[in-house]
Amino acid sequence: MEKKHTKKDLEAAIEKMAIGGNNTLAACFDNFLNLALSYFCNNMDERQMELRKRVEENDDFRKAYQEALEAYGDCAENYHDPMGDMFMDKISHGQHGQFFTPEDLCELSANIVLGNDFHDGMTINDPTSGSGRMLLKALQIAREVHGKEPLLYANDISMTCAKM
């Protein structure tokens, strides 16, 4: 059986994504988010194009990205929010009032607000989504309890949070 990655493994893998001497965790975290998003974009920005080129040309960077994706996948099981945890604990340190709602409270809130009136295609919007953990818990409840697939929309004033 293959070993599951931990939050420390995810952080270590992301730290390997340094470019040009800028090896702060915040810069590497941003590289990871931008690179991951580039695979969902029709129109990549200059930074995303640079990161994609690095993946194609630099074996160490590509391996670090693959390792980070694998660690993220393990850490995100059961609708967990490892990026939000890392951002809050290691990057923002609560600056600008950025403290994300604990996941247990997100689950309670989703259950209370959404109740039992689920239907496929139901729209759920979180205009102050942070890392999206309220939506993750709403999605988990919709799928696991009600067997439904809602449409999720998220916004945030922080570009880093919007990327998460």
N, C-alpha and C. Protein backbone atom coordinates (compact mmCIF):
# COMPACT_ATOMS: atom_id res chain seq x y z
N MET A 1 0.84 -1.18 0.00
CA MET A 1 0.00 0.00 0.00
C MET A 1 0.89 1.25 0.00
N GLU A 2 0.54 2.18 -0.84
CA GLU A 2 1.34 3.39 -0.99
C GLU A 2 1.10 4.36 0.18
N LYS A 3 2.17 5.00 0.63
CA LYS A 3 2.10 5.94 1.74
C LYS A 3 1.29 7.18 1.34
N LYS A 4 0.41 7.61 2.22
CA LYS A 4 -0.35 8.85 2.01
C LYS A 4 0.54 10.04 2.36
N HIS A 5 0.45 11.06 1.53
CA HIS A 5 1.20 12.29 1.80
C HIS A 5 0.55 13.07 2.93
N THR A 6 1.36 13.82 3.65
CA THR A 6 0.89 14.67 4.75
C THR A 6 0.95 16.13 4.34
N LYS A 7 0.45 16.99 5.21
CA LYS A 7 0.55 18.44 4.97
C LYS A 7 2.01 18.87 4.85
N LYS A 8 2.89 18.26 5.65
CA LYS A 8 4.31 18.60 5.58
C LYS A 8 4.89 18.20 4.23
N ASP A 9 4.44 17.07 3.68
CA ASP A 9 4.89 16.65 2.35
C ASP A 9 4.43 17.64 1.30
N LEU A 10 3.19 18.11 1.42
CA LEU A 10 2.66 19.10 0.48
C LEU A 10 3.46 20.38 0.54
N GLU A 11 3.71 20.86 1.74
CA GLU A 11 4.49 22.09 1.91
C GLU A 11 5.90 21.93 1.35
N ALA A 12 6.54 20.79 1.62
CA ALA A 12 7.91 20.56 1.12
C ALA A 12 7.93 20.51 -0.41
N ALA A 13 6.94 19.87 -1.00
CA ALA A 13 6.89 19.79 -2.47
C ALA A 13 6.67 21.17 -3.07
N ILE A 14 5.78 21.96 -2.48
CA ILE A 14 5.52 23.30 -3.00
C ILE A 14 6.75 24.19 -2.85
N GLU A 15 7.50 24.02 -1.75
CA GLU A 15 8.71 24.82 -1.55
C GLU A 15 9.76 24.54 -2.62
N LYS A 16 9.70 23.38 -3.27
CA LYS A 16 10.64 23.05 -4.33
C LYS A 16 10.32 23.78 -5.64
N MET A 17 9.21 24.50 -5.67
CA MET A 17 8.79 25.18 -6.89
C MET A 17 9.29 26.62 -6.94
N ALA A 18 10.44 26.86 -6.36
CA ALA A 18 11.06 28.19 -6.39
C ALA A 18 11.59 28.49 -7.77
N ILE A 19 11.55 29.76 -8.12
CA ILE A 19 12.07 30.21 -9.42
C ILE A 19 12.93 31.45 -9.19
N GLY A 20 14.11 31.45 -9.79
CA GLY A 20 14.95 32.63 -9.79
C GLY A 20 15.34 33.15 -8.42
N GLY A 21 15.60 32.26 -7.48
CA GLY A 21 16.04 32.68 -6.16
C GLY A 21 14.92 33.11 -5.23
N ASN A 22 13.68 33.25 -5.76
CA ASN A 22 12.56 33.62 -4.89
C ASN A 22 11.96 32.34 -4.34
N ASN A 23 12.49 31.92 -3.18
CA ASN A 23 12.09 30.64 -2.64
C ASN A 23 11.25 30.77 -1.37
N THR A 24 10.59 31.92 -1.19
CA THR A 24 9.69 32.02 -0.04
C THR A 24 8.52 31.07 -0.29
N LEU A 25 7.95 30.58 0.78
CA LEU A 25 6.81 29.68 0.64
C LEU A 25 5.67 30.38 -0.09
N ALA A 26 5.48 31.66 0.18
CA ALA A 26 4.40 32.41 -0.48
C ALA A 26 4.60 32.44 -2.00
N ALA A 27 5.83 32.66 -2.46
CA ALA A 27 6.11 32.70 -3.90
C ALA A 27 5.90 31.33 -4.52
N CYS A 28 6.36 30.29 -3.84
CA CYS A 28 6.21 28.93 -4.36
C CYS A 28 4.74 28.52 -4.37
N PHE A 29 4.00 28.91 -3.34
CA PHE A 29 2.56 28.65 -3.25
C PHE A 29 1.85 29.29 -4.43
N ASP A 30 2.22 30.53 -4.73
CA ASP A 30 1.64 31.24 -5.87
C ASP A 30 2.00 30.54 -7.19
N ASN A 31 3.23 30.06 -7.31
CA ASN A 31 3.62 29.30 -8.51
C ASN A 31 2.74 28.07 -8.67
N PHE A 32 2.53 27.35 -7.57
CA PHE A 32 1.70 26.14 -7.63
C PHE A 32 0.28 26.48 -8.08
N LEU A 33 -0.32 27.51 -7.47
CA LEU A 33 -1.69 27.89 -7.84
C LEU A 33 -1.78 28.32 -9.30
N ASN A 34 -0.84 29.17 -9.74
CA ASN A 34 -0.87 29.65 -11.12
C ASN A 34 -0.67 28.52 -12.13
N LEU A 35 0.24 27.61 -11.81
CA LEU A 35 0.49 26.49 -12.71
C LEU A 35 -0.73 25.57 -12.77
N ALA A 36 -1.29 25.24 -11.64
CA ALA A 36 -2.47 24.37 -11.62
C ALA A 36 -3.62 25.01 -12.40
N LEU A 37 -3.83 26.29 -12.22
CA LEU A 37 -4.91 26.98 -12.93
C LEU A 37 -4.65 27.07 -14.43
N SER A 38 -3.40 27.08 -14.83
CA SER A 38 -3.08 27.20 -16.26
C SER A 38 -3.67 26.05 -17.06
N TYR A 39 -3.86 24.91 -16.43
CA TYR A 39 -4.40 23.76 -17.14
C TYR A 39 -5.92 23.84 -17.31
N PHE A 40 -6.53 24.84 -16.70
CA PHE A 40 -7.98 25.06 -16.84
C PHE A 40 -8.28 26.30 -17.67
N CYS A 41 -7.26 27.02 -18.11
CA CYS A 41 -7.44 28.31 -18.81
C CYS A 41 -7.36 28.15 -20.32
N ASN A 42 -8.20 28.88 -21.00
CA ASN A 42 -8.06 28.98 -22.46
C ASN A 42 -7.01 30.04 -22.80
N ASN A 43 -6.96 31.08 -22.01
CA ASN A 43 -6.02 32.19 -22.25
C ASN A 43 -5.11 32.33 -21.04
N MET A 44 -3.91 31.77 -21.13
CA MET A 44 -2.98 31.88 -20.02
C MET A 44 -2.34 33.26 -20.00
N ASP A 45 -2.08 33.74 -18.76
CA ASP A 45 -1.34 35.00 -18.66
C ASP A 45 0.15 34.69 -18.78
N GLU A 46 0.96 35.73 -18.78
CA GLU A 46 2.40 35.58 -19.00
C GLU A 46 3.05 34.68 -17.94
N ARG A 47 2.64 34.84 -16.70
CA ARG A 47 3.19 34.03 -15.60
C ARG A 47 2.85 32.56 -15.81
N GLN A 48 1.63 32.27 -16.16
CA GLN A 48 1.23 30.88 -16.38
C GLN A 48 1.99 30.26 -17.54
N MET A 49 2.21 31.04 -18.61
CA MET A 49 2.98 30.52 -19.74
C MET A 49 4.41 30.21 -19.32
N GLU A 50 5.00 31.09 -18.50
CA GLU A 50 6.36 30.88 -18.01
C GLU A 50 6.43 29.60 -17.17
N LEU A 51 5.45 29.39 -16.31
CA LEU A 51 5.43 28.19 -15.47
C LEU A 51 5.25 26.92 -16.29
N ARG A 52 4.37 26.97 -17.29
CA ARG A 52 4.16 25.80 -18.15
C ARG A 52 5.45 25.46 -18.91
N LYS A 53 6.16 26.49 -19.36
CA LYS A 53 7.42 26.27 -20.06
C LYS A 53 8.43 25.62 -19.12
N ARG A 54 8.45 26.05 -17.87
CA ARG A 54 9.36 25.46 -16.89
C ARG A 54 9.06 23.99 -16.66
N VAL A 55 7.79 23.63 -16.61
CA VAL A 55 7.40 22.23 -16.44
C VAL A 55 7.91 21.40 -17.61
N GLU A 56 7.83 21.96 -18.81
CA GLU A 56 8.26 21.24 -20.02
C GLU A 56 9.78 21.11 -20.11
N GLU A 57 10.51 22.09 -19.58
CA GLU A 57 11.95 22.14 -19.80
C GLU A 57 12.80 21.78 -18.59
N ASN A 58 12.24 21.78 -17.40
CA ASN A 58 13.03 21.58 -16.19
C ASN A 58 12.51 20.36 -15.43
N ASP A 59 13.27 19.28 -15.46
CA ASP A 59 12.85 18.03 -14.82
C ASP A 59 12.60 18.19 -13.32
N ASP A 60 13.47 18.94 -12.63
CA ASP A 60 13.31 19.11 -11.19
C ASP A 60 12.02 19.87 -10.87
N PHE A 61 11.72 20.90 -11.65
CA PHE A 61 10.50 21.67 -11.43
C PHE A 61 9.27 20.80 -11.72
N ARG A 62 9.33 20.04 -12.81
CA ARG A 62 8.20 19.16 -13.17
C ARG A 62 7.96 18.13 -12.06
N LYS A 63 9.05 17.53 -11.55
CA LYS A 63 8.92 16.55 -10.47
C LYS A 63 8.35 17.18 -9.21
N ALA A 64 8.78 18.39 -8.89
CA ALA A 64 8.24 19.09 -7.72
C ALA A 64 6.75 19.35 -7.89
N TYR A 65 6.35 19.76 -9.08
CA TYR A 65 4.93 20.01 -9.35
C TYR A 65 4.12 18.72 -9.24
N GLN A 66 4.63 17.64 -9.82
CA GLN A 66 3.94 16.35 -9.74
C GLN A 66 3.83 15.87 -8.29
N GLU A 67 4.91 16.05 -7.54
CA GLU A 67 4.90 15.67 -6.13
C GLU A 67 3.88 16.50 -5.35
N ALA A 68 3.82 17.80 -5.65
CA ALA A 68 2.86 18.67 -4.98
C ALA A 68 1.43 18.28 -5.33
N LEU A 69 1.18 17.93 -6.58
CA LEU A 69 -0.17 17.50 -6.98
C LEU A 69 -0.57 16.21 -6.26
N GLU A 70 0.35 15.26 -6.17
CA GLU A 70 0.05 14.01 -5.49
C GLU A 70 -0.21 14.25 -4.00
N ALA A 71 0.62 15.08 -3.37
CA ALA A 71 0.43 15.39 -1.96
C ALA A 71 -0.88 16.14 -1.75
N TYR A 72 -1.18 17.07 -2.65
CA TYR A 72 -2.45 17.79 -2.55
C TYR A 72 -3.62 16.82 -2.63
N GLY A 73 -3.56 15.89 -3.58
CA GLY A 73 -4.64 14.92 -3.74
C GLY A 73 -4.87 14.12 -2.47
N ASP A 74 -3.79 13.66 -1.85
CA ASP A 74 -3.93 12.90 -0.60
C ASP A 74 -4.49 13.77 0.52
N CYS A 75 -3.98 14.99 0.63
CA CYS A 75 -4.39 15.87 1.72
C CYS A 75 -5.81 16.41 1.53
N ALA A 76 -6.30 16.42 0.31
CA ALA A 76 -7.63 16.98 0.04
C ALA A 76 -8.73 15.92 0.10
N GLU A 77 -8.39 14.69 0.43
CA GLU A 77 -9.41 13.65 0.52
C GLU A 77 -10.48 14.06 1.52
N ASN A 78 -11.68 13.56 1.30
CA ASN A 78 -12.83 13.84 2.16
C ASN A 78 -13.16 15.33 2.22
N TYR A 79 -12.94 16.01 1.11
CA TYR A 79 -13.32 17.42 0.95
C TYR A 79 -12.55 18.33 1.92
N HIS A 80 -11.35 17.93 2.29
CA HIS A 80 -10.52 18.75 3.18
C HIS A 80 -9.87 19.89 2.38
N ASP A 81 -9.47 20.94 3.04
CA ASP A 81 -8.92 22.14 2.42
C ASP A 81 -7.46 22.36 2.82
N PRO A 82 -6.52 21.59 2.27
CA PRO A 82 -5.12 21.76 2.69
C PRO A 82 -4.50 23.07 2.24
N MET A 83 -4.94 23.61 1.10
CA MET A 83 -4.37 24.89 0.64
C MET A 83 -4.76 26.02 1.58
N GLY A 84 -6.01 26.01 2.03
CA GLY A 84 -6.45 27.03 2.98
C GLY A 84 -5.68 26.94 4.28
N ASP A 85 -5.46 25.71 4.75
CA ASP A 85 -4.68 25.53 5.98
C ASP A 85 -3.27 26.08 5.81
N MET A 86 -2.61 25.73 4.70
CA MET A 86 -1.24 26.19 4.48
C MET A 86 -1.19 27.71 4.35
N PHE A 87 -2.13 28.26 3.59
CA PHE A 87 -2.16 29.71 3.40
C PHE A 87 -2.32 30.42 4.74
N MET A 88 -3.27 29.97 5.54
CA MET A 88 -3.56 30.63 6.80
C MET A 88 -2.41 30.44 7.80
N ASP A 89 -1.89 29.21 7.90
CA ASP A 89 -0.87 28.90 8.91
C ASP A 89 0.52 29.40 8.55
N LYS A 90 0.87 29.33 7.25
CA LYS A 90 2.26 29.56 6.86
C LYS A 90 2.49 30.82 6.02
N ILE A 91 1.43 31.37 5.43
CA ILE A 91 1.64 32.49 4.51
C ILE A 91 1.01 33.78 5.01
N SER A 92 -0.29 33.79 5.25
CA SER A 92 -0.94 35.05 5.63
C SER A 92 -0.81 35.34 7.11
N HIS A 93 -0.66 34.31 7.92
CA HIS A 93 -0.57 34.46 9.38
C HIS A 93 -1.70 35.34 9.90
N GLY A 94 -2.86 35.26 9.28
CA GLY A 94 -4.01 36.04 9.72
C GLY A 94 -3.97 37.51 9.34
N GLN A 95 -3.02 37.91 8.48
CA GLN A 95 -2.97 39.31 8.06
C GLN A 95 -4.25 39.67 7.35
N HIS A 96 -4.68 40.90 7.50
CA HIS A 96 -5.88 41.42 6.85
C HIS A 96 -7.12 40.65 7.29
N GLY A 97 -7.09 40.07 8.49
CA GLY A 97 -8.25 39.35 9.01
C GLY A 97 -8.54 38.05 8.30
N GLN A 98 -7.56 37.47 7.64
CA GLN A 98 -7.80 36.24 6.90
C GLN A 98 -7.64 35.02 7.82
N PHE A 99 -8.72 34.67 8.44
CA PHE A 99 -8.81 33.44 9.21
C PHE A 99 -9.98 32.67 8.63
N PHE A 100 -9.73 31.49 8.11
CA PHE A 100 -10.79 30.73 7.46
C PHE A 100 -11.63 30.00 8.51
N THR A 101 -12.88 29.84 8.20
CA THR A 101 -13.81 29.16 9.10
C THR A 101 -13.37 27.72 9.30
N PRO A 102 -13.33 27.25 10.55
CA PRO A 102 -12.97 25.84 10.78
C PRO A 102 -13.93 24.91 10.03
N GLU A 103 -13.39 23.80 9.53
CA GLU A 103 -14.18 22.90 8.69
C GLU A 103 -15.41 22.34 9.40
N ASP A 104 -15.32 22.06 10.70
CA ASP A 104 -16.49 21.56 11.43
C ASP A 104 -17.61 22.59 11.43
N LEU A 105 -17.24 23.86 11.58
CA LEU A 105 -18.25 24.92 11.57
C LEU A 105 -18.81 25.11 10.15
N CYS A 106 -17.99 24.92 9.14
CA CYS A 106 -18.47 24.98 7.75
C CYS A 106 -19.52 23.91 7.51
N GLU A 107 -19.25 22.71 8.01
CA GLU A 107 -20.20 21.61 7.83
C GLU A 107 -21.52 21.92 8.55
N LEU A 108 -21.43 22.41 9.78
CA LEU A 108 -22.63 22.77 10.53
C LEU A 108 -23.42 23.86 9.80
N SER A 109 -22.72 24.88 9.35
CA SER A 109 -23.37 25.99 8.64
C SER A 109 -24.04 25.51 7.36
N ALA A 110 -23.36 24.67 6.60
CA ALA A 110 -23.93 24.15 5.36
C ALA A 110 -25.20 23.35 5.64
N ASN A 111 -25.17 22.53 6.68
CA ASN A 111 -26.35 21.75 7.04
C ASN A 111 -27.52 22.65 7.45
N ILE A 112 -27.24 23.68 8.22
CA ILE A 112 -28.29 24.58 8.69
C ILE A 112 -28.86 25.40 7.54
N VAL A 113 -27.99 26.03 6.77
CA VAL A 113 -28.43 26.92 5.70
C VAL A 113 -29.12 26.17 4.57
N LEU A 114 -28.56 25.04 4.19
CA LEU A 114 -29.08 24.33 3.03
C LEU A 114 -30.22 23.39 3.36
N GLY A 115 -30.31 22.96 4.59
CA GLY A 115 -31.42 22.10 4.99
C GLY A 115 -31.54 20.86 4.12
N ASN A 116 -32.76 20.47 3.79
CA ASN A 116 -33.01 19.27 3.01
C ASN A 116 -33.52 19.57 1.61
N ASP A 117 -33.52 20.82 1.23
CA ASP A 117 -34.11 21.21 -0.06
C ASP A 117 -33.07 21.22 -1.18
N PHE A 118 -32.45 20.07 -1.40
CA PHE A 118 -31.45 19.95 -2.45
C PHE A 118 -32.08 19.45 -3.74
N HIS A 119 -31.55 19.91 -4.85
CA HIS A 119 -31.93 19.38 -6.15
C HIS A 119 -30.73 19.51 -7.08
N ASP A 120 -30.68 18.65 -8.08
CA ASP A 120 -29.57 18.73 -9.04
C ASP A 120 -29.58 20.10 -9.69
N GLY A 121 -28.40 20.68 -9.85
CA GLY A 121 -28.30 21.98 -10.47
C GLY A 121 -28.57 23.14 -9.53
N MET A 122 -28.83 22.84 -8.25
CA MET A 122 -29.03 23.90 -7.27
C MET A 122 -27.81 24.81 -7.27
N THR A 123 -28.02 26.11 -7.19
CA THR A 123 -26.93 27.08 -7.19
C THR A 123 -26.57 27.46 -5.76
N ILE A 124 -25.28 27.37 -5.46
CA ILE A 124 -24.77 27.78 -4.15
C ILE A 124 -23.67 28.80 -4.42
N ASN A 125 -23.80 29.99 -3.83
CA ASN A 125 -22.85 31.07 -4.05
C ASN A 125 -22.24 31.48 -2.71
N ASP A 126 -20.95 31.60 -2.68
CA ASP A 126 -20.26 32.12 -1.50
C ASP A 126 -19.48 33.35 -1.94
N PRO A 127 -20.00 34.55 -1.66
CA PRO A 127 -19.35 35.78 -2.13
C PRO A 127 -18.09 36.15 -1.37
N THR A 128 -17.82 35.50 -0.25
CA THR A 128 -16.59 35.73 0.52
C THR A 128 -15.97 34.36 0.81
N SER A 129 -15.58 33.68 -0.24
CA SER A 129 -15.27 32.26 -0.15
C SER A 129 -13.95 31.90 0.51
N GLY A 130 -13.03 32.84 0.61
CA GLY A 130 -11.72 32.46 1.14
C GLY A 130 -11.16 31.34 0.29
N SER A 131 -10.80 30.25 0.93
CA SER A 131 -10.24 29.11 0.19
C SER A 131 -11.32 28.16 -0.32
N GLY A 132 -12.57 28.45 -0.04
CA GLY A 132 -13.68 27.67 -0.57
C GLY A 132 -14.16 26.54 0.32
N ARG A 133 -13.76 26.54 1.57
CA ARG A 133 -14.12 25.40 2.42
C ARG A 133 -15.60 25.31 2.75
N MET A 134 -16.32 26.45 2.77
CA MET A 134 -17.78 26.37 2.96
C MET A 134 -18.41 25.66 1.77
N LEU A 135 -17.94 25.99 0.58
CA LEU A 135 -18.48 25.33 -0.62
C LEU A 135 -18.09 23.85 -0.67
N LEU A 136 -16.88 23.53 -0.22
CA LEU A 136 -16.47 22.13 -0.18
C LEU A 136 -17.40 21.31 0.71
N LYS A 137 -17.74 21.85 1.87
CA LYS A 137 -18.63 21.13 2.78
C LYS A 137 -20.06 21.06 2.21
N ALA A 138 -20.51 22.12 1.56
CA ALA A 138 -21.83 22.09 0.93
C ALA A 138 -21.85 21.03 -0.17
N LEU A 139 -20.78 20.95 -0.95
CA LEU A 139 -20.68 19.94 -2.01
C LEU A 139 -20.68 18.54 -1.41
N GLN A 140 -19.92 18.35 -0.35
CA GLN A 140 -19.86 17.04 0.30
C GLN A 140 -21.24 16.61 0.78
N ILE A 141 -21.96 17.50 1.44
CA ILE A 141 -23.29 17.18 1.94
C ILE A 141 -24.25 16.90 0.79
N ALA A 142 -24.19 17.73 -0.24
CA ALA A 142 -25.07 17.54 -1.40
C ALA A 142 -24.85 16.18 -2.03
N ARG A 143 -23.60 15.79 -2.19
CA ARG A 143 -23.28 14.51 -2.84
C ARG A 143 -23.54 13.31 -1.93
N GLU A 144 -22.95 13.36 -0.72
CA GLU A 144 -22.97 12.18 0.13
C GLU A 144 -24.28 11.96 0.86
N VAL A 145 -24.96 13.03 1.22
CA VAL A 145 -26.21 12.89 1.97
C VAL A 145 -27.42 12.88 1.03
N HIS A 146 -27.39 13.75 0.02
CA HIS A 146 -28.56 13.92 -0.83
C HIS A 146 -28.40 13.34 -2.23
N GLY A 147 -27.18 12.94 -2.61
CA GLY A 147 -26.96 12.39 -3.94
C GLY A 147 -27.20 13.39 -5.05
N LYS A 148 -26.94 14.66 -4.80
CA LYS A 148 -27.20 15.73 -5.77
C LYS A 148 -25.91 16.43 -6.16
N GLU A 149 -25.97 17.11 -7.31
CA GLU A 149 -24.81 17.86 -7.83
C GLU A 149 -25.19 19.34 -7.96
N PRO A 150 -24.79 20.16 -7.00
CA PRO A 150 -25.08 21.59 -7.10
C PRO A 150 -24.08 22.31 -8.01
N LEU A 151 -24.42 23.50 -8.42
CA LEU A 151 -23.50 24.39 -9.13
C LEU A 151 -22.91 25.33 -8.08
N LEU A 152 -21.59 25.42 -8.04
CA LEU A 152 -20.92 26.21 -7.02
C LEU A 152 -20.30 27.45 -7.64
N TYR A 153 -20.47 28.59 -6.96
CA TYR A 153 -19.86 29.85 -7.38
C TYR A 153 -19.15 30.46 -6.19
N ALA A 154 -17.95 30.95 -6.43
CA ALA A 154 -17.14 31.53 -5.36
C ALA A 154 -16.52 32.84 -5.82
N ASN A 155 -16.43 33.78 -4.91
CA ASN A 155 -15.76 35.06 -5.13
C ASN A 155 -14.97 35.39 -3.89
N ASP A 156 -13.92 36.17 -4.05
CA ASP A 156 -13.20 36.67 -2.89
C ASP A 156 -12.43 37.91 -3.32
N ILE A 157 -12.21 38.79 -2.38
CA ILE A 157 -11.48 40.03 -2.66
C ILE A 157 -9.98 39.76 -2.85
N SER A 158 -9.48 38.68 -2.25
CA SER A 158 -8.08 38.31 -2.36
C SER A 158 -7.87 37.46 -3.60
N MET A 159 -6.97 37.86 -4.48
CA MET A 159 -6.70 37.08 -5.69
C MET A 159 -6.14 35.71 -5.34
N THR A 160 -5.29 35.63 -4.31
CA THR A 160 -4.76 34.34 -3.91
C THR A 160 -5.88 33.42 -3.46
N CYS A 161 -6.80 33.94 -2.68
CA CYS A 161 -7.94 33.12 -2.24
C CYS A 161 -8.81 32.73 -3.42
N ALA A 162 -9.03 33.63 -4.35
CA ALA A 162 -9.83 33.31 -5.52
C ALA A 162 -9.18 32.19 -6.32
N LYS A 163 -7.86 32.15 -6.36
CA LYS A 163 -7.17 31.07 -7.08
C LYS A 163 -7.30 29.74 -6.35
N MET A 164 -7.34 29.79 -5.04
CA MET A 164 -7.48 28.54 -4.28
C MET A 164 -8.81 27.91 -4.58
